[in-house]
Amino acid sequence: MNQVIYNVTVCVDPNVHAEWLNWMREVHIPDVLSTGLFLSNRILRVHGHEENGMTYAIQYVLANQAMLDQYFLEHAPRLQAEHVARYGNKAVAFRTILEVLNETEC
C-alpha cells in the first residue's frame, strides 16, 4: 500500500491568523500526532489567495489508507469539533486525501 497524505487547507481571517498558527503548532497538531497514527506533518503557506485571508495547507503523512480510516473513526470528530469551536468561520477548512504514487529524492 502507498503512503497517504491527509491535507487540510484552511483559510484564516487575518485578524486571528497569528494566534491560530500558534495554536496549531502548540496544541492542535501535537494532539493529532499524539494519536500515534501519523508518520510526519508539515505546515505550508499557500500564496496567491490572500484576498479573503491567509491560506495554509496542513499535511499529515500516514503509512496507508487504513491508518487514515482509523483516524477518521476514532479521533477526527473530536479534533475537528475543537477547531470549529475555537475559530468558527474565522478559520474555514476543507480536506483532501492524496495518495503518494511516486516520490523521488534529489
C-alpha atoms as a PDB file:
ATOM      1  CA  MET A   1       0.000   0.000   0.000  1.00  0.00           C
ATOM      2  CA  ASN A   2       1.102   3.539  -0.722  1.00  0.00           C
ATOM      3  CA  GLN A   3       1.534   6.311   1.788  1.00  0.00           C
ATOM      4  CA  VAL A   4      -1.368   8.706   2.148  1.00  0.00           C
ATOM      5  CA  ILE A   5      -1.279  12.454   2.786  1.00  0.00           C
ATOM      6  CA  TYR A   6      -4.203  13.920   4.667  1.00  0.00           C
ATOM      7  CA  ASN A   7      -4.235  17.559   3.534  1.00  0.00           C
ATOM      8  CA  VAL A   8      -6.239  20.167   5.434  1.00  0.00           C
ATOM      9  CA  THR A   9      -6.409  23.539   3.667  1.00  0.00           C
ATOM     10  CA  VAL A  10      -7.503  26.372   5.931  1.00  0.00           C
ATOM     11  CA  CYS A  11      -8.391  29.958   5.027  1.00  0.00           C
ATOM     12  CA  VAL A  12      -7.754  32.028   8.157  1.00  0.00           C
ATOM     13  CA  ASP A  13      -9.074  35.504   8.954  1.00  0.00           C
ATOM     14  CA  PRO A  14      -6.118  37.925   9.046  1.00  0.00           C
ATOM     15  CA  ASN A  15      -7.249  39.174  12.471  1.00  0.00           C
ATOM     16  CA  VAL A  16      -6.670  35.762  14.083  1.00  0.00           C
ATOM     17  CA  HIS A  17      -4.091  34.126  11.837  1.00  0.00           C
ATOM     18  CA  ALA A  18      -1.060  34.638  14.153  1.00  0.00           C
ATOM     19  CA  GLU A  19      -2.920  33.229  17.170  1.00  0.00           C
ATOM     20  CA  TRP A  20      -4.382  30.413  15.031  1.00  0.00           C
ATOM     21  CA  LEU A  21      -0.946  29.437  13.697  1.00  0.00           C
ATOM     22  CA  ASN A  22       0.492  29.370  17.205  1.00  0.00           C
ATOM     23  CA  TRP A  23      -2.444  27.246  18.457  1.00  0.00           C
ATOM     24  CA  MET A  24      -1.988  24.850  15.536  1.00  0.00           C
ATOM     25  CA  ARG A  25       1.731  24.459  16.284  1.00  0.00           C
ATOM     26  CA  GLU A  26       1.442  24.256  20.071  1.00  0.00           C
ATOM     27  CA  VAL A  27      -1.882  22.465  20.635  1.00  0.00           C
ATOM     28  CA  HIS A  28      -3.810  21.078  17.679  1.00  0.00           C
ATOM     29  CA  ILE A  29      -1.070  19.419  15.637  1.00  0.00           C
ATOM     30  CA  PRO A  30       0.544  17.835  18.724  1.00  0.00           C
ATOM     31  CA  ASP A  31      -2.934  16.470  19.628  1.00  0.00           C
ATOM     32  CA  VAL A  32      -3.328  14.997  16.136  1.00  0.00           C
ATOM     33  CA  LEU A  33       0.164  13.482  16.188  1.00  0.00           C
ATOM     34  CA  SER A  34      -0.367  12.055  19.673  1.00  0.00           C
ATOM     35  CA  THR A  35      -2.830   9.571  18.147  1.00  0.00           C
ATOM     36  CA  GLY A  36       0.227   7.633  17.002  1.00  0.00           C
ATOM     37  CA  LEU A  37      -1.203   7.146  13.505  1.00  0.00           C
ATOM     38  CA  PHE A  38       0.923   9.642  11.580  1.00  0.00           C
ATOM     39  CA  LEU A  39       4.473   9.445  10.240  1.00  0.00           C
ATOM     40  CA  SER A  40       5.074  13.182   9.824  1.00  0.00           C
ATOM     41  CA  ASN A  41       3.456  16.578   9.484  1.00  0.00           C
ATOM     42  CA  ARG A  42       4.159  19.879   7.800  1.00  0.00           C
ATOM     43  CA  ILE A  43       2.599  23.322   7.619  1.00  0.00           C
ATOM     44  CA  LEU A  44       2.685  25.128   4.286  1.00  0.00           C
ATOM     45  CA  ARG A  45       1.601  28.648   3.408  1.00  0.00           C
ATOM     46  CA  VAL A  46      -0.475  28.896   0.225  1.00  0.00           C
ATOM     47  CA  HIS A  47       0.370  32.042  -1.741  1.00  0.00           C
ATOM     48  CA  GLY A  48      -1.944  33.813  -4.148  1.00  0.00           C
ATOM     49  CA  HIS A  49      -5.201  33.560  -2.194  1.00  0.00           C
ATOM     50  CA  GLU A  50      -4.812  36.427   0.263  1.00  0.00           C
ATOM     51  CA  GLU A  51      -7.945  38.386  -0.683  1.00  0.00           C
ATOM     52  CA  ASN A  52     -10.135  36.591   1.885  1.00  0.00           C
ATOM     53  CA  GLY A  53      -7.464  35.806   4.455  1.00  0.00           C
ATOM     54  CA  MET A  54      -4.304  33.805   4.743  1.00  0.00           C
ATOM     55  CA  THR A  55      -4.363  30.240   3.484  1.00  0.00           C
ATOM     56  CA  TYR A  56      -2.400  27.318   4.882  1.00  0.00           C
ATOM     57  CA  ALA A  57      -2.108  23.649   3.976  1.00  0.00           C
ATOM     58  CA  ILE A  58      -1.525  21.322   6.895  1.00  0.00           C
ATOM     59  CA  GLN A  59      -0.287  17.947   5.691  1.00  0.00           C
ATOM     60  CA  TYR A  60      -0.184  14.749   7.703  1.00  0.00           C
ATOM     61  CA  VAL A  61       1.545  11.670   6.263  1.00  0.00           C
ATOM     62  CA  LEU A  62       0.251   8.188   7.072  1.00  0.00           C
ATOM     63  CA  ALA A  63       1.568   4.754   6.159  1.00  0.00           C
ATOM     64  CA  ASN A  64      -1.665   3.749   4.406  1.00  0.00           C
ATOM     65  CA  GLN A  65      -5.395   4.387   3.990  1.00  0.00           C
ATOM     66  CA  ALA A  66      -6.274   2.050   6.869  1.00  0.00           C
ATOM     67  CA  MET A  67      -4.457   4.357   9.288  1.00  0.00           C
ATOM     68  CA  LEU A  68      -6.413   7.345   7.965  1.00  0.00           C
ATOM     69  CA  ASP A  69      -9.678   5.413   8.251  1.00  0.00           C
ATOM     70  CA  GLN A  70      -8.829   4.695  11.889  1.00  0.00           C
ATOM     71  CA  TYR A  71      -8.097   8.397  12.477  1.00  0.00           C
ATOM     72  CA  PHE A  72     -11.451   9.393  10.949  1.00  0.00           C
ATOM     73  CA  LEU A  73     -13.293   6.855  13.065  1.00  0.00           C
ATOM     74  CA  GLU A  74     -11.584   7.361  16.430  1.00  0.00           C
ATOM     75  CA  HIS A  75     -10.184  10.910  16.537  1.00  0.00           C
ATOM     76  CA  ALA A  76     -11.225  13.288  13.746  1.00  0.00           C
ATOM     77  CA  PRO A  77     -14.706  14.214  15.022  1.00  0.00           C
ATOM     78  CA  ARG A  78     -13.368  15.452  18.377  1.00  0.00           C
ATOM     79  CA  LEU A  79     -10.344  17.257  16.944  1.00  0.00           C
ATOM     80  CA  GLN A  80     -12.331  18.925  14.166  1.00  0.00           C
ATOM     81  CA  ALA A  81     -15.003  19.995  16.658  1.00  0.00           C
ATOM     82  CA  GLU A  82     -12.343  21.636  18.843  1.00  0.00           C
ATOM     83  CA  HIS A  83     -11.090  23.619  15.846  1.00  0.00           C
ATOM     84  CA  VAL A  84     -14.602  24.756  14.888  1.00  0.00           C
ATOM     85  CA  ALA A  85     -15.495  25.640  18.477  1.00  0.00           C
ATOM     86  CA  ARG A  86     -12.378  27.782  18.819  1.00  0.00           C
ATOM     87  CA  TYR A  87     -12.372  29.552  15.426  1.00  0.00           C
ATOM     88  CA  GLY A  88     -15.760  29.048  13.777  1.00  0.00           C
ATOM     89  CA  ASN A  89     -15.889  30.821  10.424  1.00  0.00           C
ATOM     90  CA  LYS A  90     -12.589  32.644  11.108  1.00  0.00           C
ATOM     91  CA  ALA A  91     -10.672  29.524  10.029  1.00  0.00           C
ATOM     92  CA  VAL A  92     -12.561  27.581   7.383  1.00  0.00           C
ATOM     93  CA  ALA A  93     -11.106  24.205   6.425  1.00  0.00           C
ATOM     94  CA  PHE A  94     -11.549  21.760   3.604  1.00  0.00           C
ATOM     95  CA  ARG A  95      -9.888  18.398   3.436  1.00  0.00           C
ATOM     96  CA  THR A  96      -8.384  16.274   0.672  1.00  0.00           C
ATOM     97  CA  ILE A  97      -6.738  12.886   0.667  1.00  0.00           C
ATOM     98  CA  LEU A  98      -3.682  12.380  -1.513  1.00  0.00           C
ATOM     99  CA  GLU A  99      -2.183   9.005  -2.365  1.00  0.00           C
ATOM    100  CA  VAL A 100       1.577   9.000  -2.964  1.00  0.00           C
ATOM    101  CA  LEU A 101       2.187   7.130  -6.211  1.00  0.00           C
ATOM    102  CA  ASN A 102       5.817   8.076  -6.697  1.00  0.00           C
ATOM    103  CA  GLU A 103       8.391  10.073  -4.782  1.00  0.00           C
ATOM    104  CA  THR A 104      11.911  10.937  -5.881  1.00  0.00           C
ATOM    105  CA  GLU A 105      14.503  12.489  -3.607  1.00  0.00           C
ATOM    106  CA  CYS A 106      17.307  14.545  -5.125  1.00  0.00           C
END
